[in-house]
Amino acid sequence: MSATKDFPRPGRRTNSADRASMVRVDQAGEFGAVRIYAGQLAVMGDRHPYGRLIAGMAAQEERHRAAFDALIAERGVRPTAIHPIWNVAGFALGAVTAAMGPKAAMACTAAIETEIDLHYEEQLQQLGEDDPELSALIKDFQAEEVEHRDAAIAHGAEQAPAYPLLSGAIRLGCRAAIALSKRI
């Protein structure tokens, strides 16, 4: 079998199209995260005991999104064409999980951040030393995504109703969103 674009081999350098795809999908993902937290806060409000936690994570995601927005402009990368879908879908996911209860909202965060950690790690492996600026950004943001996941677990994510099913469905949706945003 021949090596495909999606499965880099050792010693293979990333090209500009690969890096553009990374920036596109990462910007879309950070935008989606901002919208998820907006949906959660819209339902739970800032007076809920988890409101401050969610608002803090949302602020970090907004910083991530702004950095990728700048990188898209700087590098002339085409953003994903399905941005309007992520706008609605992200908000809806956040609102629905928050309506299910605070532990379900935390389960959503834990599931999403688990996938993003894996996604960022895959990108770092693929990049190697090819783009130090992008690698540094991804490493920084990955560390914060792991903090979000760990905070969500500490705040009861795994105690959400039907946690394995909820987490699995959200993780599958996240993987699908990543695949679509890379190409469209």
C-alpha atoms as a PDB file:
ATOM      1  CA  MET A   1       0.000   0.000   0.000  1.00  0.00           C
ATOM      2  CA  SER A   2       1.154   3.530  -0.605  1.00  0.00           C
ATOM      3  CA  ALA A   3       1.503   6.124   2.125  1.00  0.00           C
ATOM      4  CA  THR A   4      -1.375   8.557   2.219  1.00  0.00           C
ATOM      5  CA  LYS A   5      -1.441  12.217   3.090  1.00  0.00           C
ATOM      6  CA  ASP A   6      -3.231  11.482   6.388  1.00  0.00           C
ATOM      7  CA  PHE A   7      -0.592   9.049   7.653  1.00  0.00           C
ATOM      8  CA  PRO A   8       2.825  10.693   7.716  1.00  0.00           C
ATOM      9  CA  ARG A   9       5.859   8.452   7.645  1.00  0.00           C
ATOM     10  CA  PRO A  10       9.078   9.046   9.602  1.00  0.00           C
ATOM     11  CA  GLY A  11      11.319  11.511   7.848  1.00  0.00           C
ATOM     12  CA  ARG A  12       8.453  12.977   5.822  1.00  0.00           C
ATOM     13  CA  ARG A  13       8.287  16.748   5.911  1.00  0.00           C
ATOM     14  CA  THR A  14       5.003  18.589   6.083  1.00  0.00           C
ATOM     15  CA  ASN A  15       4.220  20.751   3.110  1.00  0.00           C
ATOM     16  CA  SER A  16       2.422  24.086   3.052  1.00  0.00           C
ATOM     17  CA  ALA A  17      -0.920  22.423   2.223  1.00  0.00           C
ATOM     18  CA  ASP A  18      -0.585  20.150   5.279  1.00  0.00           C
ATOM     19  CA  ARG A  19       0.204  23.102   7.513  1.00  0.00           C
ATOM     20  CA  ALA A  20      -2.653  25.156   6.043  1.00  0.00           C
ATOM     21  CA  SER A  21      -5.027  22.291   6.790  1.00  0.00           C
ATOM     22  CA  MET A  22      -3.757  22.195  10.376  1.00  0.00           C
ATOM     23  CA  VAL A  23      -4.325  25.903  10.864  1.00  0.00           C
ATOM     24  CA  ARG A  24      -7.797  25.673   9.269  1.00  0.00           C
ATOM     25  CA  VAL A  25      -8.961  22.775  11.433  1.00  0.00           C
ATOM     26  CA  ASP A  26      -7.444  24.215  14.607  1.00  0.00           C
ATOM     27  CA  GLN A  27      -9.106  27.587  14.074  1.00  0.00           C
ATOM     28  CA  ALA A  28     -12.432  25.848  13.431  1.00  0.00           C
ATOM     29  CA  GLY A  29     -12.008  23.726  16.553  1.00  0.00           C
ATOM     30  CA  GLU A  30     -11.187  26.665  18.777  1.00  0.00           C
ATOM     31  CA  PHE A  31     -14.164  28.556  17.367  1.00  0.00           C
ATOM     32  CA  GLY A  32     -16.345  25.522  18.097  1.00  0.00           C
ATOM     33  CA  ALA A  33     -15.037  25.388  21.674  1.00  0.00           C
ATOM     34  CA  VAL A  34     -15.877  29.067  22.196  1.00  0.00           C
ATOM     35  CA  ARG A  35     -19.414  28.351  20.983  1.00  0.00           C
ATOM     36  CA  ILE A  36     -19.781  25.254  23.207  1.00  0.00           C
ATOM     37  CA  TYR A  37     -18.892  27.280  26.285  1.00  0.00           C
ATOM     38  CA  ALA A  38     -21.230  30.082  25.161  1.00  0.00           C
ATOM     39  CA  GLY A  39     -24.047  27.543  24.979  1.00  0.00           C
ATOM     40  CA  GLN A  40     -23.226  26.166  28.409  1.00  0.00           C
ATOM     41  CA  LEU A  41     -23.112  29.634  29.954  1.00  0.00           C
ATOM     42  CA  ALA A  42     -26.365  30.618  28.231  1.00  0.00           C
ATOM     43  CA  VAL A  43     -28.130  27.761  30.011  1.00  0.00           C
ATOM     44  CA  MET A  44     -26.266  27.641  33.320  1.00  0.00           C
ATOM     45  CA  GLY A  45     -25.570  31.332  33.713  1.00  0.00           C
ATOM     46  CA  ASP A  46     -22.651  32.932  35.436  1.00  0.00           C
ATOM     47  CA  ARG A  47     -24.182  32.453  38.878  1.00  0.00           C
ATOM     48  CA  HIS A  48     -24.036  28.679  38.719  1.00  0.00           C
ATOM     49  CA  PRO A  49     -21.225  27.231  40.859  1.00  0.00           C
ATOM     50  CA  TYR A  50     -19.498  26.020  37.650  1.00  0.00           C
ATOM     51  CA  GLY A  51     -20.015  29.370  35.895  1.00  0.00           C
ATOM     52  CA  ARG A  52     -16.630  30.782  36.858  1.00  0.00           C
ATOM     53  CA  LEU A  53     -14.875  27.562  35.808  1.00  0.00           C
ATOM     54  CA  ILE A  54     -16.617  27.531  32.427  1.00  0.00           C
ATOM     55  CA  ALA A  55     -16.019  31.258  31.883  1.00  0.00           C
ATOM     56  CA  GLY A  56     -12.308  30.759  32.582  1.00  0.00           C
ATOM     57  CA  MET A  57     -12.074  27.923  30.074  1.00  0.00           C
ATOM     58  CA  ALA A  58     -14.052  29.998  27.564  1.00  0.00           C
ATOM     59  CA  ALA A  59     -11.587  32.883  27.926  1.00  0.00           C
ATOM     60  CA  GLN A  60      -8.667  30.557  27.175  1.00  0.00           C
ATOM     61  CA  GLU A  61     -10.487  29.138  24.150  1.00  0.00           C
ATOM     62  CA  GLU A  62     -11.152  32.678  22.920  1.00  0.00           C
ATOM     63  CA  ARG A  63      -7.415  33.393  23.168  1.00  0.00           C
ATOM     64  CA  HIS A  64      -6.689  30.210  21.193  1.00  0.00           C
ATOM     65  CA  ARG A  65      -9.243  31.171  18.546  1.00  0.00           C
ATOM     66  CA  ALA A  66      -7.813  34.679  18.226  1.00  0.00           C
ATOM     67  CA  ALA A  67      -4.305  33.266  17.744  1.00  0.00           C
ATOM     68  CA  PHE A  68      -5.496  30.939  14.983  1.00  0.00           C
ATOM     69  CA  ASP A  69      -7.540  33.759  13.407  1.00  0.00           C
ATOM     70  CA  ALA A  70      -4.327  35.772  13.214  1.00  0.00           C
ATOM     71  CA  LEU A  71      -2.414  32.818  11.774  1.00  0.00           C
ATOM     72  CA  ILE A  72      -5.104  32.281   9.124  1.00  0.00           C
ATOM     73  CA  ALA A  73      -4.795  35.927   8.058  1.00  0.00           C
ATOM     74  CA  GLU A  74      -0.991  35.966   8.255  1.00  0.00           C
ATOM     75  CA  ARG A  75      -0.561  32.779   6.229  1.00  0.00           C
ATOM     76  CA  GLY A  76      -3.425  33.352   3.807  1.00  0.00           C
ATOM     77  CA  VAL A  77      -5.181  30.124   4.837  1.00  0.00           C
ATOM     78  CA  ARG A  78      -8.762  29.621   3.701  1.00  0.00           C
ATOM     79  CA  PRO A  79     -10.996  29.105   6.747  1.00  0.00           C
ATOM     80  CA  THR A  80     -13.389  26.180   6.746  1.00  0.00           C
ATOM     81  CA  ALA A  81     -16.463  26.700   4.603  1.00  0.00           C
ATOM     82  CA  ILE A  82     -18.625  25.018   7.235  1.00  0.00           C
ATOM     83  CA  HIS A  83     -17.951  27.678   9.846  1.00  0.00           C
ATOM     84  CA  PRO A  84     -21.697  28.537  10.103  1.00  0.00           C
ATOM     85  CA  ILE A  85     -22.465  24.916  10.980  1.00  0.00           C
ATOM     86  CA  TRP A  86     -19.858  24.888  13.773  1.00  0.00           C
ATOM     87  CA  ASN A  87     -21.344  28.145  15.056  1.00  0.00           C
ATOM     88  CA  VAL A  88     -24.774  26.573  15.554  1.00  0.00           C
ATOM     89  CA  ALA A  89     -23.631  23.037  16.374  1.00  0.00           C
ATOM     90  CA  GLY A  90     -21.149  24.190  19.011  1.00  0.00           C
ATOM     91  CA  PHE A  91     -23.665  26.403  20.776  1.00  0.00           C
ATOM     92  CA  ALA A  92     -26.323  23.676  20.604  1.00  0.00           C
ATOM     93  CA  LEU A  93     -23.973  21.039  22.022  1.00  0.00           C
ATOM     94  CA  GLY A  94     -23.048  23.305  24.905  1.00  0.00           C
ATOM     95  CA  ALA A  95     -26.649  24.287  25.607  1.00  0.00           C
ATOM     96  CA  VAL A  96     -28.019  20.741  25.412  1.00  0.00           C
ATOM     97  CA  THR A  97     -25.373  19.255  27.678  1.00  0.00           C
ATOM     98  CA  ALA A  98     -25.798  22.101  30.182  1.00  0.00           C
ATOM     99  CA  ALA A  99     -29.572  21.559  30.119  1.00  0.00           C
ATOM    100  CA  MET A 100     -28.900  17.912  30.988  1.00  0.00           C
ATOM    101  CA  GLY A 101     -27.088  19.139  34.082  1.00  0.00           C
ATOM    102  CA  PRO A 102     -23.715  20.468  35.172  1.00  0.00           C
ATOM    103  CA  LYS A 103     -22.080  17.034  35.164  1.00  0.00           C
ATOM    104  CA  ALA A 104     -23.207  16.476  31.578  1.00  0.00           C
ATOM    105  CA  ALA A 105     -21.684  19.854  30.669  1.00  0.00           C
ATOM    106  CA  MET A 106     -18.445  18.687  32.285  1.00  0.00           C
ATOM    107  CA  ALA A 107     -18.719  15.368  30.410  1.00  0.00           C
ATOM    108  CA  CYS A 108     -18.952  17.353  27.161  1.00  0.00           C
ATOM    109  CA  THR A 109     -15.812  19.291  28.045  1.00  0.00           C
ATOM    110  CA  ALA A 110     -13.925  16.141  29.052  1.00  0.00           C
ATOM    111  CA  ALA A 111     -14.881  14.359  25.826  1.00  0.00           C
ATOM    112  CA  ILE A 112     -14.019  17.262  23.541  1.00  0.00           C
ATOM    113  CA  GLU A 113     -10.723  17.990  25.265  1.00  0.00           C
ATOM    114  CA  THR A 114      -9.717  14.325  25.186  1.00  0.00           C
ATOM    115  CA  GLU A 115     -10.084  14.343  21.401  1.00  0.00           C
ATOM    116  CA  ILE A 116      -8.346  17.699  21.033  1.00  0.00           C
ATOM    117  CA  ASP A 117      -5.397  16.470  23.094  1.00  0.00           C
ATOM    118  CA  LEU A 118      -5.066  13.464  20.759  1.00  0.00           C
ATOM    119  CA  HIS A 119      -5.533  15.670  17.680  1.00  0.00           C
ATOM    120  CA  TYR A 120      -2.891  18.172  18.784  1.00  0.00           C
ATOM    121  CA  GLU A 121      -0.464  15.371  19.632  1.00  0.00           C
ATOM    122  CA  GLU A 122      -0.945  13.895  16.147  1.00  0.00           C
ATOM    123  CA  GLN A 123      -0.272  17.305  14.612  1.00  0.00           C
ATOM    124  CA  LEU A 124       2.893  17.757  16.662  1.00  0.00           C
ATOM    125  CA  GLN A 125       4.157  14.357  15.521  1.00  0.00           C
ATOM    126  CA  GLN A 126       3.360  15.222  11.916  1.00  0.00           C
ATOM    127  CA  LEU A 127       5.002  18.656  12.123  1.00  0.00           C
ATOM    128  CA  GLY A 128       8.228  17.509  13.705  1.00  0.00           C
ATOM    129  CA  GLU A 129      10.621  20.425  13.271  1.00  0.00           C
ATOM    130  CA  ASP A 130       8.972  21.746  10.088  1.00  0.00           C
ATOM    131  CA  ASP A 131       7.118  24.721  11.619  1.00  0.00           C
ATOM    132  CA  PRO A 132       8.427  25.820  15.034  1.00  0.00           C
ATOM    133  CA  GLU A 133       5.932  28.696  15.302  1.00  0.00           C
ATOM    134  CA  LEU A 134       2.906  26.447  14.765  1.00  0.00           C
ATOM    135  CA  SER A 135       4.355  23.692  16.960  1.00  0.00           C
ATOM    136  CA  ALA A 136       4.897  26.118  19.859  1.00  0.00           C
ATOM    137  CA  LEU A 137       1.334  27.403  19.564  1.00  0.00           C
ATOM    138  CA  ILE A 138      -0.098  23.890  19.489  1.00  0.00           C
ATOM    139  CA  LYS A 139       1.988  22.766  22.497  1.00  0.00           C
ATOM    140  CA  ASP A 140       0.850  25.782  24.515  1.00  0.00           C
ATOM    141  CA  PHE A 141      -2.803  25.280  23.670  1.00  0.00           C
ATOM    142  CA  GLN A 142      -2.630  21.505  24.129  1.00  0.00           C
ATOM    143  CA  ALA A 143      -1.483  21.993  27.724  1.00  0.00           C
ATOM    144  CA  GLU A 144      -4.497  24.206  28.420  1.00  0.00           C
ATOM    145  CA  GLU A 145      -6.886  21.736  26.761  1.00  0.00           C
ATOM    146  CA  VAL A 146      -5.542  18.996  29.046  1.00  0.00           C
ATOM    147  CA  GLU A 147      -6.146  21.308  32.025  1.00  0.00           C
ATOM    148  CA  HIS A 148      -9.758  21.764  30.850  1.00  0.00           C
ATOM    149  CA  ARG A 149     -10.238  18.004  30.574  1.00  0.00           C
ATOM    150  CA  ASP A 150      -8.754  17.389  34.009  1.00  0.00           C
ATOM    151  CA  ALA A 151     -10.889  20.154  35.565  1.00  0.00           C
ATOM    152  CA  ALA A 152     -14.025  18.699  33.964  1.00  0.00           C
ATOM    153  CA  ILE A 153     -13.233  15.249  35.347  1.00  0.00           C
ATOM    154  CA  ALA A 154     -12.530  16.740  38.782  1.00  0.00           C
ATOM    155  CA  HIS A 155     -15.947  18.451  38.613  1.00  0.00           C
ATOM    156  CA  GLY A 156     -17.910  15.259  38.010  1.00  0.00           C
ATOM    157  CA  ALA A 157     -17.791  14.593  34.266  1.00  0.00           C
ATOM    158  CA  GLU A 158     -17.640  10.847  34.800  1.00  0.00           C
ATOM    159  CA  GLN A 159     -20.715  11.010  37.053  1.00  0.00           C
ATOM    160  CA  ALA A 160     -22.928  12.383  34.267  1.00  0.00           C
ATOM    161  CA  PRO A 161     -25.950  10.269  33.305  1.00  0.00           C
ATOM    162  CA  ALA A 162     -24.953   7.640  30.738  1.00  0.00           C
ATOM    163  CA  TYR A 163     -21.398   8.998  30.748  1.00  0.00           C
ATOM    164  CA  PRO A 164     -19.850   6.308  28.515  1.00  0.00           C
ATOM    165  CA  LEU A 165     -22.545   6.792  25.872  1.00  0.00           C
ATOM    166  CA  LEU A 166     -22.527  10.596  26.115  1.00  0.00           C
ATOM    167  CA  SER A 167     -18.739  10.791  26.024  1.00  0.00           C
ATOM    168  CA  GLY A 168     -18.466   8.328  23.154  1.00  0.00           C
ATOM    169  CA  ALA A 169     -21.032  10.180  21.051  1.00  0.00           C
ATOM    170  CA  ILE A 170     -19.395  13.555  21.639  1.00  0.00           C
ATOM    171  CA  ARG A 171     -15.919  12.180  20.901  1.00  0.00           C
ATOM    172  CA  LEU A 172     -17.182  10.621  17.656  1.00  0.00           C
ATOM    173  CA  GLY A 173     -18.775  13.923  16.667  1.00  0.00           C
ATOM    174  CA  CYS A 174     -15.546  15.736  17.449  1.00  0.00           C
ATOM    175  CA  ARG A 175     -13.524  13.367  15.250  1.00  0.00           C
ATOM    176  CA  ALA A 176     -16.030  13.876  12.425  1.00  0.00           C
ATOM    177  CA  ALA A 177     -15.820  17.659  12.817  1.00  0.00           C
ATOM    178  CA  ILE A 178     -12.019  17.497  12.648  1.00  0.00           C
ATOM    179  CA  ALA A 179     -12.107  15.387   9.494  1.00  0.00           C
ATOM    180  CA  LEU A 180     -14.606  17.678   7.786  1.00  0.00           C
ATOM    181  CA  SER A 181     -12.844  20.905   8.747  1.00  0.00           C
ATOM    182  CA  LYS A 182      -9.505  19.686   7.403  1.00  0.00           C
ATOM    183  CA  ARG A 183     -10.904  19.444   3.899  1.00  0.00           C
ATOM    184  CA  ILE A 184     -13.954  21.664   3.525  1.00  0.00           C
END
